[in-house]
Amino acid sequence: MNTNEKWNVLFIKDEKSELNTNTKVFEELFNRVDKVQGREDGLRLFKNNLYDMVICDLSVDPEEIAFMKQFKDLKPKMTIFVLVDEKDTDKVYGFADLDINAFILSADQFDEAMAEISRFNPYP
């Protein structure tokens, strides 16, 4: 794992999210972060830009799993992380089946989760 690299990231925030994404952690840990709210804008940016990884703050509903499958269908080798609220831990198995990494966290663990994700090398 190369911890000296800073990655270009697409961050997709769910409308129902309780995470505070207005933090300096993005600037400190990543090269470039395009933040977007909603599925349509996320998919549009994903198709039109080059990213090293995608981080999604999504509620875990069946349609969210289908949404993430669209990303994997377009770029099967793309590294994707999904941030899942602690109360939805029983729903993360659908993401694992798609080779999508899930972080189970509370709102106060956001910066720590971003630090862990930034250390991940998306090009093993």
N, C-alpha and C. Protein backbone atom coordinates (compact mmCIF):
# COMPACT_ATOMS: atom_id res chain seq x y z
N MET A 1 0.83 -1.17 0.00
CA MET A 1 0.00 0.00 0.00
C MET A 1 0.89 1.25 0.00
N ASN A 2 0.68 2.12 -0.95
CA ASN A 2 1.47 3.33 -1.08
C ASN A 2 0.78 4.46 -0.32
N THR A 3 1.34 4.86 0.79
CA THR A 3 0.71 5.92 1.59
C THR A 3 1.22 7.31 1.22
N ASN A 4 2.11 7.41 0.22
CA ASN A 4 2.62 8.71 -0.19
C ASN A 4 1.79 9.34 -1.30
N GLU A 5 0.87 8.61 -1.84
CA GLU A 5 0.06 9.06 -2.96
C GLU A 5 -1.21 9.73 -2.45
N LYS A 6 -1.62 10.80 -3.14
CA LYS A 6 -2.90 11.43 -2.85
C LYS A 6 -3.80 11.17 -4.05
N TRP A 7 -5.00 10.70 -3.80
CA TRP A 7 -5.89 10.22 -4.85
C TRP A 7 -6.94 11.25 -5.26
N ASN A 8 -7.42 11.11 -6.49
CA ASN A 8 -8.55 11.88 -6.99
C ASN A 8 -9.82 11.10 -6.68
N VAL A 9 -10.75 11.76 -6.03
CA VAL A 9 -11.91 11.08 -5.46
C VAL A 9 -13.21 11.74 -5.91
N LEU A 10 -14.19 10.90 -6.20
CA LEU A 10 -15.57 11.36 -6.36
C LEU A 10 -16.29 11.00 -5.06
N PHE A 11 -16.85 12.00 -4.39
CA PHE A 11 -17.59 11.78 -3.15
C PHE A 11 -19.06 12.07 -3.42
N ILE A 12 -19.90 11.06 -3.24
CA ILE A 12 -21.34 11.19 -3.48
C ILE A 12 -22.04 11.17 -2.13
N LYS A 13 -22.75 12.25 -1.85
CA LYS A 13 -23.44 12.38 -0.56
C LYS A 13 -24.93 12.13 -0.75
N ASP A 14 -25.49 11.38 0.16
CA ASP A 14 -26.92 11.10 0.14
C ASP A 14 -27.68 12.29 0.71
N GLU A 15 -28.86 12.52 0.18
CA GLU A 15 -29.69 13.63 0.65
C GLU A 15 -30.05 13.49 2.13
N LYS A 16 -30.14 12.26 2.62
CA LYS A 16 -30.55 12.01 4.01
C LYS A 16 -29.35 11.90 4.96
N SER A 17 -28.19 12.19 4.49
CA SER A 17 -26.97 11.98 5.28
C SER A 17 -26.90 12.88 6.51
N GLU A 18 -26.32 12.32 7.55
CA GLU A 18 -26.06 13.08 8.77
C GLU A 18 -24.57 13.39 8.92
N LEU A 19 -23.77 13.01 7.93
CA LEU A 19 -22.32 13.24 8.01
C LEU A 19 -21.99 14.68 7.64
N ASN A 20 -21.04 15.26 8.35
CA ASN A 20 -20.57 16.60 8.05
C ASN A 20 -19.43 16.51 7.04
N THR A 21 -19.73 16.79 5.80
CA THR A 21 -18.70 16.71 4.75
C THR A 21 -18.04 18.06 4.49
N ASN A 22 -18.41 19.08 5.24
CA ASN A 22 -17.76 20.39 5.12
C ASN A 22 -16.57 20.44 6.07
N THR A 23 -15.62 19.60 5.82
CA THR A 23 -14.46 19.46 6.68
C THR A 23 -13.20 19.60 5.85
N LYS A 24 -12.12 20.00 6.48
CA LYS A 24 -10.85 20.15 5.78
C LYS A 24 -10.16 18.82 5.51
N VAL A 25 -10.74 17.73 6.01
CA VAL A 25 -10.11 16.42 5.86
C VAL A 25 -9.92 16.07 4.38
N PHE A 26 -10.83 16.49 3.53
CA PHE A 26 -10.69 16.19 2.11
C PHE A 26 -9.44 16.85 1.53
N GLU A 27 -9.26 18.13 1.83
CA GLU A 27 -8.09 18.87 1.33
C GLU A 27 -6.79 18.29 1.85
N GLU A 28 -6.81 17.85 3.08
CA GLU A 28 -5.59 17.32 3.71
C GLU A 28 -5.21 15.94 3.19
N LEU A 29 -6.19 15.11 2.87
CA LEU A 29 -5.92 13.71 2.58
C LEU A 29 -5.93 13.33 1.11
N PHE A 30 -6.60 14.10 0.28
CA PHE A 30 -6.77 13.72 -1.11
C PHE A 30 -6.25 14.81 -2.04
N ASN A 31 -5.89 14.42 -3.26
CA ASN A 31 -5.43 15.37 -4.26
C ASN A 31 -6.59 16.26 -4.72
N ARG A 32 -7.65 15.61 -5.18
CA ARG A 32 -8.83 16.34 -5.67
C ARG A 32 -10.07 15.57 -5.23
N VAL A 33 -11.07 16.30 -4.77
CA VAL A 33 -12.33 15.68 -4.39
C VAL A 33 -13.46 16.45 -5.05
N ASP A 34 -14.21 15.76 -5.89
CA ASP A 34 -15.43 16.33 -6.45
C ASP A 34 -16.57 15.83 -5.59
N LYS A 35 -17.24 16.77 -4.90
CA LYS A 35 -18.37 16.41 -4.04
C LYS A 35 -19.67 16.68 -4.79
N VAL A 36 -20.56 15.73 -4.72
CA VAL A 36 -21.83 15.88 -5.40
C VAL A 36 -22.93 15.26 -4.54
N GLN A 37 -24.12 15.80 -4.66
CA GLN A 37 -25.24 15.24 -3.92
C GLN A 37 -26.21 14.65 -4.93
N GLY A 38 -26.53 13.40 -4.75
CA GLY A 38 -27.51 12.76 -5.62
C GLY A 38 -26.92 11.82 -6.65
N ARG A 39 -27.75 10.89 -7.06
CA ARG A 39 -27.32 9.83 -7.97
C ARG A 39 -27.00 10.32 -9.38
N GLU A 40 -27.88 11.13 -9.94
CA GLU A 40 -27.70 11.54 -11.33
C GLU A 40 -26.40 12.31 -11.53
N ASP A 41 -26.15 13.28 -10.65
CA ASP A 41 -24.92 14.06 -10.75
C ASP A 41 -23.70 13.19 -10.50
N GLY A 42 -23.80 12.26 -9.56
CA GLY A 42 -22.70 11.35 -9.29
C GLY A 42 -22.35 10.50 -10.49
N LEU A 43 -23.34 9.95 -11.13
CA LEU A 43 -23.12 9.11 -12.31
C LEU A 43 -22.56 9.93 -13.47
N ARG A 44 -23.06 11.15 -13.64
CA ARG A 44 -22.57 12.03 -14.71
C ARG A 44 -21.08 12.34 -14.52
N LEU A 45 -20.70 12.73 -13.31
CA LEU A 45 -19.28 13.02 -13.05
C LEU A 45 -18.42 11.77 -13.21
N PHE A 46 -18.91 10.64 -12.76
CA PHE A 46 -18.18 9.38 -12.86
C PHE A 46 -17.88 9.04 -14.32
N LYS A 47 -18.85 9.27 -15.18
CA LYS A 47 -18.68 8.95 -16.60
C LYS A 47 -17.73 9.92 -17.30
N ASN A 48 -17.67 11.16 -16.82
CA ASN A 48 -16.94 12.21 -17.54
C ASN A 48 -15.59 12.59 -16.95
N ASN A 49 -15.16 11.93 -15.88
CA ASN A 49 -13.89 12.28 -15.23
C ASN A 49 -13.13 11.02 -14.87
N LEU A 50 -11.85 11.19 -14.60
CA LEU A 50 -11.02 10.08 -14.15
C LEU A 50 -10.81 10.20 -12.64
N TYR A 51 -11.21 9.17 -11.93
CA TYR A 51 -11.05 9.13 -10.49
C TYR A 51 -10.25 7.89 -10.11
N ASP A 52 -9.55 7.99 -8.99
CA ASP A 52 -8.85 6.83 -8.44
C ASP A 52 -9.80 5.98 -7.60
N MET A 53 -10.76 6.65 -6.98
CA MET A 53 -11.73 5.92 -6.17
C MET A 53 -13.00 6.74 -6.01
N VAL A 54 -14.07 6.05 -5.63
CA VAL A 54 -15.36 6.67 -5.36
C VAL A 54 -15.71 6.37 -3.91
N ILE A 55 -16.18 7.39 -3.20
CA ILE A 55 -16.67 7.23 -1.83
C ILE A 55 -18.12 7.67 -1.83
N CYS A 56 -18.99 6.81 -1.35
CA CYS A 56 -20.42 7.11 -1.35
C CYS A 56 -20.96 7.08 0.06
N ASP A 57 -21.61 8.14 0.43
CA ASP A 57 -22.33 8.23 1.70
C ASP A 57 -23.79 7.98 1.35
N LEU A 58 -24.21 6.74 1.47
CA LEU A 58 -25.54 6.39 0.99
C LEU A 58 -26.36 5.70 2.07
N SER A 59 -27.65 5.96 2.03
CA SER A 59 -28.54 5.14 2.84
C SER A 59 -28.58 3.78 2.16
N VAL A 60 -28.75 2.74 2.92
CA VAL A 60 -28.66 1.40 2.35
C VAL A 60 -30.06 0.88 2.05
N ASP A 61 -30.52 1.20 0.87
CA ASP A 61 -31.78 0.69 0.36
C ASP A 61 -31.47 -0.16 -0.87
N PRO A 62 -32.37 -1.04 -1.26
CA PRO A 62 -32.10 -1.86 -2.45
C PRO A 62 -31.73 -1.04 -3.68
N GLU A 63 -32.35 0.12 -3.86
CA GLU A 63 -32.02 0.93 -5.04
C GLU A 63 -30.60 1.50 -4.96
N GLU A 64 -30.07 1.68 -3.74
CA GLU A 64 -28.70 2.15 -3.59
C GLU A 64 -27.71 1.09 -4.06
N ILE A 65 -28.01 -0.17 -3.76
CA ILE A 65 -27.14 -1.25 -4.21
C ILE A 65 -27.17 -1.31 -5.73
N ALA A 66 -28.34 -1.15 -6.33
CA ALA A 66 -28.45 -1.14 -7.79
C ALA A 66 -27.69 0.05 -8.37
N PHE A 67 -27.75 1.19 -7.69
CA PHE A 67 -27.02 2.38 -8.13
C PHE A 67 -25.52 2.12 -8.15
N MET A 68 -25.01 1.50 -7.10
CA MET A 68 -23.57 1.21 -7.04
C MET A 68 -23.18 0.17 -8.08
N LYS A 69 -24.07 -0.72 -8.42
CA LYS A 69 -23.80 -1.72 -9.45
C LYS A 69 -23.56 -1.04 -10.79
N GLN A 70 -24.24 0.08 -11.05
CA GLN A 70 -24.00 0.83 -12.29
C GLN A 70 -22.54 1.27 -12.39
N PHE A 71 -21.96 1.70 -11.30
CA PHE A 71 -20.56 2.12 -11.29
C PHE A 71 -19.66 0.94 -11.63
N LYS A 72 -19.91 -0.19 -10.99
CA LYS A 72 -19.09 -1.39 -11.23
C LYS A 72 -19.26 -1.90 -12.66
N ASP A 73 -20.45 -1.77 -13.21
CA ASP A 73 -20.67 -2.20 -14.60
C ASP A 73 -19.89 -1.32 -15.57
N LEU A 74 -19.80 -0.02 -15.28
CA LEU A 74 -19.06 0.90 -16.14
C LEU A 74 -17.55 0.73 -16.01
N LYS A 75 -17.07 0.57 -14.78
CA LYS A 75 -15.63 0.43 -14.52
C LYS A 75 -15.44 -0.65 -13.46
N PRO A 76 -15.37 -1.91 -13.89
CA PRO A 76 -15.32 -3.02 -12.93
C PRO A 76 -14.15 -2.99 -11.95
N LYS A 77 -13.05 -2.36 -12.31
CA LYS A 77 -11.88 -2.35 -11.43
C LYS A 77 -11.84 -1.14 -10.50
N MET A 78 -12.82 -0.26 -10.59
CA MET A 78 -12.86 0.94 -9.77
C MET A 78 -13.00 0.58 -8.29
N THR A 79 -12.19 1.23 -7.46
CA THR A 79 -12.29 1.05 -6.01
C THR A 79 -13.42 1.93 -5.49
N ILE A 80 -14.35 1.32 -4.80
CA ILE A 80 -15.51 2.04 -4.28
C ILE A 80 -15.66 1.74 -2.79
N PHE A 81 -15.86 2.81 -2.03
CA PHE A 81 -16.15 2.69 -0.60
C PHE A 81 -17.55 3.25 -0.36
N VAL A 82 -18.31 2.55 0.43
CA VAL A 82 -19.64 3.01 0.82
C VAL A 82 -19.63 3.22 2.33
N LEU A 83 -20.09 4.39 2.75
CA LEU A 83 -20.20 4.71 4.17
C LEU A 83 -21.61 4.38 4.63
N VAL A 84 -21.70 3.52 5.63
CA VAL A 84 -22.99 3.00 6.08
C VAL A 84 -23.18 3.34 7.56
N ASP A 85 -24.34 3.85 7.89
CA ASP A 85 -24.66 4.16 9.28
C ASP A 85 -24.71 2.88 10.11
N GLU A 86 -24.35 3.02 11.37
CA GLU A 86 -24.32 1.87 12.29
C GLU A 86 -25.64 1.10 12.35
N LYS A 87 -26.74 1.79 12.20
CA LYS A 87 -28.04 1.12 12.30
C LYS A 87 -28.37 0.27 11.07
N ASP A 88 -27.57 0.39 10.01
CA ASP A 88 -27.82 -0.36 8.77
C ASP A 88 -26.81 -1.48 8.52
N THR A 89 -26.15 -1.95 9.56
CA THR A 89 -25.08 -2.93 9.37
C THR A 89 -25.57 -4.22 8.74
N ASP A 90 -26.81 -4.59 8.96
CA ASP A 90 -27.32 -5.83 8.40
C ASP A 90 -27.54 -5.76 6.89
N LYS A 91 -27.42 -4.57 6.32
CA LYS A 91 -27.70 -4.40 4.89
C LYS A 91 -26.45 -4.29 4.02
N VAL A 92 -25.27 -4.43 4.60
CA VAL A 92 -24.04 -4.21 3.83
C VAL A 92 -23.63 -5.40 2.97
N TYR A 93 -24.24 -6.53 3.17
CA TYR A 93 -23.82 -7.73 2.43
C TYR A 93 -24.00 -7.58 0.93
N GLY A 94 -25.00 -6.85 0.50
CA GLY A 94 -25.20 -6.62 -0.94
C GLY A 94 -24.03 -5.91 -1.57
N PHE A 95 -23.39 -5.01 -0.82
CA PHE A 95 -22.21 -4.32 -1.35
C PHE A 95 -21.02 -5.25 -1.46
N ALA A 96 -20.83 -6.11 -0.49
CA ALA A 96 -19.72 -7.05 -0.52
C ALA A 96 -19.82 -7.96 -1.74
N ASP A 97 -21.02 -8.34 -2.11
CA ASP A 97 -21.21 -9.18 -3.29
C ASP A 97 -20.77 -8.49 -4.57
N LEU A 98 -20.74 -7.17 -4.57
CA LEU A 98 -20.32 -6.40 -5.75
C LEU A 98 -18.85 -5.98 -5.68
N ASP A 99 -18.12 -6.46 -4.69
CA ASP A 99 -16.72 -6.08 -4.49
C ASP A 99 -16.60 -4.59 -4.16
N ILE A 100 -17.53 -4.12 -3.33
CA ILE A 100 -17.54 -2.74 -2.87
C ILE A 100 -17.24 -2.76 -1.38
N ASN A 101 -16.30 -1.92 -0.95
CA ASN A 101 -15.89 -1.85 0.45
C ASN A 101 -16.89 -1.02 1.25
N ALA A 102 -17.30 -1.51 2.40
CA ALA A 102 -18.26 -0.79 3.23
C ALA A 102 -17.60 -0.41 4.55
N PHE A 103 -17.77 0.85 4.94
CA PHE A 103 -17.34 1.35 6.24
C PHE A 103 -18.59 1.57 7.07
N ILE A 104 -18.67 0.91 8.20
CA ILE A 104 -19.79 1.12 9.11
C ILE A 104 -19.32 2.14 10.14
N LEU A 105 -20.03 3.27 10.22
CA LEU A 105 -19.56 4.33 11.11
C LEU A 105 -20.69 5.19 11.61
N SER A 106 -20.39 5.91 12.67
CA SER A 106 -21.29 6.94 13.18
C SER A 106 -20.79 8.27 12.65
N ALA A 107 -21.61 9.30 12.76
CA ALA A 107 -21.26 10.60 12.21
C ALA A 107 -19.95 11.15 12.77
N ASP A 108 -19.64 10.86 14.03
CA ASP A 108 -18.42 11.40 14.62
C ASP A 108 -17.16 10.63 14.19
N GLN A 109 -17.30 9.58 13.42
CA GLN A 109 -16.15 8.81 12.95
C GLN A 109 -15.77 9.14 11.50
N PHE A 110 -16.40 10.16 10.94
CA PHE A 110 -16.20 10.47 9.52
C PHE A 110 -14.75 10.78 9.18
N ASP A 111 -14.11 11.70 9.90
CA ASP A 111 -12.73 12.07 9.60
C ASP A 111 -11.79 10.87 9.71
N GLU A 112 -12.01 10.05 10.71
CA GLU A 112 -11.19 8.86 10.90
C GLU A 112 -11.37 7.88 9.72
N ALA A 113 -12.60 7.72 9.27
CA ALA A 113 -12.86 6.84 8.12
C ALA A 113 -12.17 7.38 6.88
N MET A 114 -12.22 8.69 6.67
CA MET A 114 -11.56 9.28 5.50
C MET A 114 -10.05 9.07 5.56
N ALA A 115 -9.47 9.17 6.75
CA ALA A 115 -8.03 8.94 6.90
C ALA A 115 -7.68 7.50 6.53
N GLU A 116 -8.48 6.55 6.96
CA GLU A 116 -8.24 5.14 6.61
C GLU A 116 -8.37 4.92 5.11
N ILE A 117 -9.40 5.49 4.52
CA ILE A 117 -9.61 5.33 3.08
C ILE A 117 -8.47 5.95 2.29
N SER A 118 -7.96 7.09 2.74
CA SER A 118 -6.88 7.77 2.00
C SER A 118 -5.61 6.94 1.96
N ARG A 119 -5.44 6.04 2.90
CA ARG A 119 -4.25 5.18 2.94
C ARG A 119 -4.37 3.97 2.00
N PHE A 120 -5.54 3.75 1.48
CA PHE A 120 -5.78 2.59 0.63
C PHE A 120 -5.23 2.84 -0.77
N ASN A 121 -4.53 1.88 -1.32
CA ASN A 121 -4.01 1.99 -2.69
C ASN A 121 -5.02 1.35 -3.64
N PRO A 122 -5.66 2.15 -4.49
CA PRO A 122 -6.65 1.58 -5.40
C PRO A 122 -6.03 0.82 -6.58
N TYR A 123 -4.72 0.81 -6.67
CA TYR A 123 -4.03 0.13 -7.77
C TYR A 123 -3.07 -0.93 -7.23
N PRO A 124 -3.62 -2.02 -6.70
CA PRO A 124 -2.75 -3.05 -6.11
C PRO A 124 -1.86 -3.72 -7.15
